[in-house]
Amino acid sequence: MRIRGVVSEKAGRFHVNLLCSEEKDADNALHFNPRLDQSVVVFNTKKGGAWGKEERGRGNPFHHGQPFEVFLIATEKGFKAVIGDAEHHHFLYRIQPEHVRVMEVGGDLQLESVKIF
């Protein structure tokens, strides 16, 4: 999938969640969480109401007030995050992608488009 948007001028964080249902406490196969307030991009999974161990990508390629393009690609072994033209992180599956039913985008951003391939 491709996500395009603009990071808010005073952004702290935003997220993309790939959820397994529409339930309130659904399992989350991928929590993609740029944290501008900590200069890091966090990847995680939530299963059975409990968060797993956070993984952090290399640095933070997001900037306040700037447009961005993120590709989240389901590979044979995990979700690959490509930000701009560079591979940022490869998050190995903890929940298989065929269980994903809902995508949620939120936080300090202006969402421009989402395209699912």
N, C-alpha and C. Protein backbone atom coordinates (compact mmCIF):
# COMPACT_ATOMS: atom_id res chain seq x y z
N MET A 1 0.84 -1.17 0.00
CA MET A 1 0.00 0.00 0.00
C MET A 1 0.88 1.24 0.00
N ARG A 2 0.34 2.31 -0.53
CA ARG A 2 1.05 3.58 -0.57
C ARG A 2 0.24 4.60 0.21
N ILE A 3 0.91 5.32 1.10
CA ILE A 3 0.26 6.35 1.90
C ILE A 3 0.99 7.66 1.64
N ARG A 4 0.22 8.68 1.26
CA ARG A 4 0.79 10.00 1.04
C ARG A 4 0.12 10.99 1.97
N GLY A 5 0.92 11.91 2.48
CA GLY A 5 0.37 12.92 3.36
C GLY A 5 1.39 14.01 3.63
N VAL A 6 1.02 14.87 4.57
CA VAL A 6 1.90 15.94 5.03
C VAL A 6 1.94 15.87 6.55
N VAL A 7 3.14 15.91 7.10
CA VAL A 7 3.30 15.92 8.55
C VAL A 7 2.87 17.28 9.06
N SER A 8 2.05 17.32 10.10
CA SER A 8 1.59 18.59 10.68
C SER A 8 2.78 19.41 11.17
N GLU A 9 2.63 20.74 11.15
CA GLU A 9 3.71 21.65 11.57
C GLU A 9 4.17 21.38 13.00
N LYS A 10 3.24 21.06 13.87
CA LYS A 10 3.59 20.82 15.28
C LYS A 10 3.38 19.36 15.65
N ALA A 11 3.63 18.49 14.71
CA ALA A 11 3.37 17.06 14.91
C ALA A 11 4.21 16.48 16.03
N GLY A 12 3.56 15.61 16.81
CA GLY A 12 4.26 14.79 17.78
C GLY A 12 4.41 13.39 17.22
N ARG A 13 3.25 12.82 16.81
CA ARG A 13 3.24 11.44 16.31
C ARG A 13 2.08 11.24 15.34
N PHE A 14 2.23 10.23 14.49
CA PHE A 14 1.09 9.72 13.75
C PHE A 14 1.28 8.22 13.60
N HIS A 15 0.26 7.53 13.10
CA HIS A 15 0.33 6.07 13.04
C HIS A 15 -0.46 5.51 11.87
N VAL A 16 -0.04 4.32 11.47
CA VAL A 16 -0.79 3.48 10.55
C VAL A 16 -0.92 2.13 11.25
N ASN A 17 -2.14 1.67 11.43
CA ASN A 17 -2.39 0.37 12.06
C ASN A 17 -3.06 -0.56 11.05
N LEU A 18 -2.55 -1.77 10.97
CA LEU A 18 -3.18 -2.82 10.15
C LEU A 18 -3.84 -3.79 11.12
N LEU A 19 -5.16 -3.65 11.26
CA LEU A 19 -5.92 -4.34 12.30
C LEU A 19 -6.61 -5.59 11.76
N CYS A 20 -6.83 -6.52 12.67
CA CYS A 20 -7.44 -7.80 12.30
C CYS A 20 -8.96 -7.79 12.38
N SER A 21 -9.54 -6.73 12.94
CA SER A 21 -11.00 -6.59 12.98
C SER A 21 -11.33 -5.14 13.31
N GLU A 22 -12.63 -4.83 13.33
CA GLU A 22 -13.08 -3.49 13.69
C GLU A 22 -13.35 -3.36 15.18
N GLU A 23 -13.13 -4.42 15.94
CA GLU A 23 -13.36 -4.39 17.39
C GLU A 23 -12.44 -3.37 18.06
N LYS A 24 -12.87 -2.88 19.23
CA LYS A 24 -12.13 -1.84 19.95
C LYS A 24 -10.69 -2.26 20.27
N ASP A 25 -10.48 -3.46 20.75
CA ASP A 25 -9.15 -3.91 21.15
C ASP A 25 -8.62 -4.99 20.19
N ALA A 26 -8.80 -4.74 18.90
CA ALA A 26 -8.42 -5.73 17.87
C ALA A 26 -6.92 -5.99 17.87
N ASP A 27 -6.56 -7.19 17.46
CA ASP A 27 -5.15 -7.48 17.22
C ASP A 27 -4.65 -6.55 16.12
N ASN A 28 -3.40 -6.13 16.25
CA ASN A 28 -2.79 -5.19 15.33
C ASN A 28 -1.56 -5.85 14.70
N ALA A 29 -1.68 -6.24 13.44
CA ALA A 29 -0.59 -6.93 12.75
C ALA A 29 0.61 -6.02 12.53
N LEU A 30 0.35 -4.73 12.33
CA LEU A 30 1.44 -3.76 12.16
C LEU A 30 1.02 -2.41 12.73
N HIS A 31 1.82 -1.92 13.65
CA HIS A 31 1.68 -0.56 14.18
C HIS A 31 2.91 0.19 13.69
N PHE A 32 2.71 1.07 12.71
CA PHE A 32 3.77 1.89 12.12
C PHE A 32 3.60 3.27 12.73
N ASN A 33 4.59 3.74 13.51
CA ASN A 33 4.38 4.91 14.36
C ASN A 33 5.57 5.88 14.32
N PRO A 34 5.59 6.80 13.34
CA PRO A 34 6.60 7.85 13.36
C PRO A 34 6.37 8.76 14.57
N ARG A 35 7.42 8.93 15.36
CA ARG A 35 7.36 9.76 16.57
C ARG A 35 8.34 10.91 16.40
N LEU A 36 7.84 12.02 15.90
CA LEU A 36 8.71 13.17 15.69
C LEU A 36 9.20 13.73 17.02
N ASP A 37 8.40 13.54 18.08
CA ASP A 37 8.80 14.03 19.40
C ASP A 37 9.97 13.23 19.98
N GLN A 38 10.27 12.06 19.40
CA GLN A 38 11.39 11.24 19.84
C GLN A 38 12.39 10.97 18.70
N SER A 39 12.14 11.52 17.53
CA SER A 39 12.99 11.33 16.34
C SER A 39 13.23 9.86 16.02
N VAL A 40 12.13 9.09 15.97
CA VAL A 40 12.24 7.66 15.71
C VAL A 40 10.96 7.18 15.02
N VAL A 41 11.06 6.07 14.31
CA VAL A 41 9.88 5.40 13.77
C VAL A 41 9.80 4.03 14.45
N VAL A 42 8.67 3.78 15.11
CA VAL A 42 8.47 2.56 15.89
C VAL A 42 7.57 1.60 15.12
N PHE A 43 7.90 0.31 15.19
CA PHE A 43 7.11 -0.77 14.60
C PHE A 43 6.76 -1.73 15.73
N ASN A 44 5.51 -2.20 15.74
CA ASN A 44 5.11 -3.13 16.79
C ASN A 44 3.88 -3.90 16.35
N THR A 45 3.47 -4.84 17.19
CA THR A 45 2.28 -5.65 17.01
C THR A 45 1.56 -5.73 18.35
N LYS A 46 0.23 -5.76 18.29
CA LYS A 46 -0.57 -5.99 19.50
C LYS A 46 -1.38 -7.25 19.28
N LYS A 47 -1.24 -8.20 20.19
CA LYS A 47 -1.94 -9.47 20.08
C LYS A 47 -2.54 -9.83 21.43
N GLY A 48 -3.84 -10.18 21.44
CA GLY A 48 -4.50 -10.54 22.68
C GLY A 48 -4.49 -9.41 23.70
N GLY A 49 -4.51 -8.16 23.22
CA GLY A 49 -4.54 -7.00 24.10
C GLY A 49 -3.18 -6.56 24.61
N ALA A 50 -2.11 -7.27 24.26
CA ALA A 50 -0.78 -6.93 24.76
C ALA A 50 0.15 -6.52 23.61
N TRP A 51 0.87 -5.43 23.82
CA TRP A 51 1.85 -4.99 22.84
C TRP A 51 3.08 -5.88 22.90
N GLY A 52 3.67 -6.11 21.74
CA GLY A 52 4.93 -6.86 21.65
C GLY A 52 6.10 -5.93 21.91
N LYS A 53 7.28 -6.43 21.61
CA LYS A 53 8.50 -5.64 21.77
C LYS A 53 8.63 -4.67 20.59
N GLU A 54 8.87 -3.40 20.90
CA GLU A 54 9.03 -2.39 19.86
C GLU A 54 10.31 -2.62 19.07
N GLU A 55 10.20 -2.37 17.77
CA GLU A 55 11.38 -2.30 16.92
C GLU A 55 11.45 -0.88 16.39
N ARG A 56 12.66 -0.40 16.20
CA ARG A 56 12.84 0.97 15.73
C ARG A 56 13.63 0.99 14.44
N GLY A 57 13.12 1.76 13.49
CA GLY A 57 13.82 1.90 12.23
C GLY A 57 15.04 2.81 12.39
N ARG A 58 15.79 2.95 11.32
CA ARG A 58 16.98 3.80 11.33
C ARG A 58 16.58 5.27 11.23
N GLY A 59 16.73 6.01 12.30
CA GLY A 59 16.46 7.44 12.29
C GLY A 59 15.00 7.77 12.02
N ASN A 60 14.75 9.02 11.71
CA ASN A 60 13.39 9.48 11.43
C ASN A 60 13.41 10.35 10.17
N PRO A 61 12.93 9.83 9.05
CA PRO A 61 12.96 10.58 7.79
C PRO A 61 11.81 11.59 7.64
N PHE A 62 10.96 11.73 8.65
CA PHE A 62 9.81 12.64 8.58
C PHE A 62 10.17 14.00 9.16
N HIS A 63 9.59 15.07 8.56
CA HIS A 63 9.90 16.43 9.01
C HIS A 63 8.61 17.25 9.09
N HIS A 64 8.54 18.10 10.10
CA HIS A 64 7.36 18.95 10.31
C HIS A 64 7.05 19.75 9.04
N GLY A 65 5.76 19.74 8.67
CA GLY A 65 5.30 20.52 7.53
C GLY A 65 5.67 19.97 6.17
N GLN A 66 6.31 18.82 6.12
CA GLN A 66 6.80 18.27 4.85
C GLN A 66 5.93 17.12 4.35
N PRO A 67 5.76 17.02 3.04
CA PRO A 67 5.02 15.88 2.48
C PRO A 67 5.84 14.60 2.61
N PHE A 68 5.14 13.48 2.61
CA PHE A 68 5.81 12.18 2.67
C PHE A 68 5.07 11.16 1.83
N GLU A 69 5.78 10.11 1.49
CA GLU A 69 5.21 8.96 0.80
C GLU A 69 5.80 7.71 1.45
N VAL A 70 4.92 6.83 1.91
CA VAL A 70 5.33 5.59 2.57
C VAL A 70 4.71 4.42 1.81
N PHE A 71 5.52 3.43 1.53
CA PHE A 71 5.03 2.16 1.00
C PHE A 71 5.17 1.13 2.11
N LEU A 72 4.09 0.42 2.43
CA LEU A 72 4.13 -0.72 3.34
C LEU A 72 3.86 -1.94 2.48
N ILE A 73 4.88 -2.77 2.34
CA ILE A 73 4.85 -3.88 1.39
C ILE A 73 4.90 -5.20 2.15
N ALA A 74 3.92 -6.06 1.88
CA ALA A 74 3.91 -7.40 2.48
C ALA A 74 4.83 -8.30 1.67
N THR A 75 5.94 -8.70 2.26
CA THR A 75 6.88 -9.60 1.60
C THR A 75 6.63 -11.02 2.11
N GLU A 76 7.48 -11.93 1.72
CA GLU A 76 7.34 -13.32 2.16
C GLU A 76 7.51 -13.45 3.68
N LYS A 77 8.36 -12.59 4.26
CA LYS A 77 8.69 -12.74 5.68
C LYS A 77 8.21 -11.62 6.59
N GLY A 78 7.83 -10.48 6.02
CA GLY A 78 7.42 -9.38 6.88
C GLY A 78 6.94 -8.18 6.10
N PHE A 79 6.64 -7.12 6.85
CA PHE A 79 6.24 -5.85 6.25
C PHE A 79 7.49 -5.01 6.02
N LYS A 80 7.69 -4.59 4.78
CA LYS A 80 8.82 -3.73 4.45
C LYS A 80 8.29 -2.31 4.34
N ALA A 81 8.92 -1.39 5.07
CA ALA A 81 8.56 0.02 5.01
C ALA A 81 9.57 0.76 4.14
N VAL A 82 9.07 1.36 3.07
CA VAL A 82 9.89 2.18 2.19
C VAL A 82 9.39 3.61 2.32
N ILE A 83 10.29 4.50 2.72
CA ILE A 83 9.92 5.90 2.95
C ILE A 83 10.71 6.74 1.96
N GLY A 84 9.97 7.48 1.13
CA GLY A 84 10.64 8.18 0.03
C GLY A 84 11.16 7.13 -0.93
N ASP A 85 12.45 7.14 -1.16
CA ASP A 85 13.07 6.17 -2.07
C ASP A 85 13.91 5.13 -1.34
N ALA A 86 13.86 5.12 0.00
CA ALA A 86 14.76 4.25 0.75
C ALA A 86 14.00 3.25 1.62
N GLU A 87 14.52 2.00 1.64
CA GLU A 87 13.96 1.02 2.57
C GLU A 87 14.34 1.44 3.98
N HIS A 88 13.35 1.55 4.83
CA HIS A 88 13.58 2.04 6.20
C HIS A 88 13.71 0.90 7.20
N HIS A 89 12.83 -0.10 7.09
CA HIS A 89 12.84 -1.20 8.07
C HIS A 89 12.06 -2.37 7.49
N HIS A 90 12.45 -3.58 7.88
CA HIS A 90 11.72 -4.79 7.50
C HIS A 90 11.26 -5.44 8.81
N PHE A 91 9.96 -5.38 9.08
CA PHE A 91 9.37 -5.87 10.32
C PHE A 91 8.82 -7.28 10.08
N LEU A 92 9.47 -8.27 10.69
CA LEU A 92 9.06 -9.66 10.49
C LEU A 92 7.67 -9.90 11.06
N TYR A 93 6.89 -10.72 10.35
CA TYR A 93 5.51 -10.99 10.76
C TYR A 93 5.45 -11.61 12.14
N ARG A 94 4.55 -11.09 12.94
CA ARG A 94 4.14 -11.72 14.20
C ARG A 94 2.70 -12.19 14.06
N ILE A 95 1.97 -11.51 13.19
CA ILE A 95 0.62 -11.90 12.77
C ILE A 95 0.65 -11.88 11.24
N GLN A 96 0.22 -12.95 10.62
CA GLN A 96 0.27 -13.05 9.16
C GLN A 96 -0.65 -12.01 8.51
N PRO A 97 -0.27 -11.47 7.37
CA PRO A 97 -1.04 -10.39 6.74
C PRO A 97 -2.43 -10.80 6.28
N GLU A 98 -2.67 -12.08 6.06
CA GLU A 98 -4.01 -12.50 5.62
C GLU A 98 -5.07 -12.27 6.70
N HIS A 99 -4.64 -11.99 7.94
CA HIS A 99 -5.58 -11.71 9.03
C HIS A 99 -6.00 -10.24 9.08
N VAL A 100 -5.32 -9.38 8.32
CA VAL A 100 -5.62 -7.94 8.33
C VAL A 100 -6.95 -7.68 7.63
N ARG A 101 -7.80 -6.90 8.29
CA ARG A 101 -9.12 -6.56 7.73
C ARG A 101 -9.36 -5.05 7.64
N VAL A 102 -8.63 -4.27 8.46
CA VAL A 102 -8.90 -2.84 8.58
C VAL A 102 -7.58 -2.08 8.62
N MET A 103 -7.53 -0.95 7.92
CA MET A 103 -6.39 -0.05 8.03
C MET A 103 -6.85 1.22 8.71
N GLU A 104 -6.08 1.69 9.68
CA GLU A 104 -6.41 2.91 10.42
C GLU A 104 -5.21 3.85 10.31
N VAL A 105 -5.47 5.10 9.95
CA VAL A 105 -4.43 6.12 9.90
C VAL A 105 -4.89 7.27 10.78
N GLY A 106 -4.01 7.75 11.65
CA GLY A 106 -4.40 8.84 12.53
C GLY A 106 -3.21 9.56 13.12
N GLY A 107 -3.50 10.61 13.87
CA GLY A 107 -2.45 11.38 14.53
C GLY A 107 -2.22 12.71 13.84
N ASP A 108 -1.01 13.22 14.00
CA ASP A 108 -0.66 14.57 13.56
C ASP A 108 -0.20 14.61 12.10
N LEU A 109 -1.14 14.41 11.20
CA LEU A 109 -0.82 14.45 9.78
C LEU A 109 -2.05 14.88 9.00
N GLN A 110 -1.79 15.33 7.78
CA GLN A 110 -2.87 15.59 6.82
C GLN A 110 -2.76 14.48 5.79
N LEU A 111 -3.73 13.59 5.81
CA LEU A 111 -3.72 12.45 4.90
C LEU A 111 -4.17 12.91 3.51
N GLU A 112 -3.37 12.60 2.50
CA GLU A 112 -3.72 12.97 1.13
C GLU A 112 -4.30 11.80 0.36
N SER A 113 -3.68 10.62 0.47
CA SER A 113 -4.21 9.47 -0.26
C SER A 113 -3.67 8.17 0.30
N VAL A 114 -4.46 7.12 0.08
CA VAL A 114 -4.05 5.75 0.39
C VAL A 114 -4.40 4.92 -0.84
N LYS A 115 -3.44 4.14 -1.29
CA LYS A 115 -3.70 3.25 -2.42
C LYS A 115 -3.26 1.85 -2.03
N ILE A 116 -4.17 0.90 -2.19
CA ILE A 116 -3.87 -0.50 -1.87
C ILE A 116 -3.62 -1.22 -3.19
N PHE A 117 -2.50 -1.88 -3.28
CA PHE A 117 -2.12 -2.60 -4.51
C PHE A 117 -2.48 -4.06 -4.37
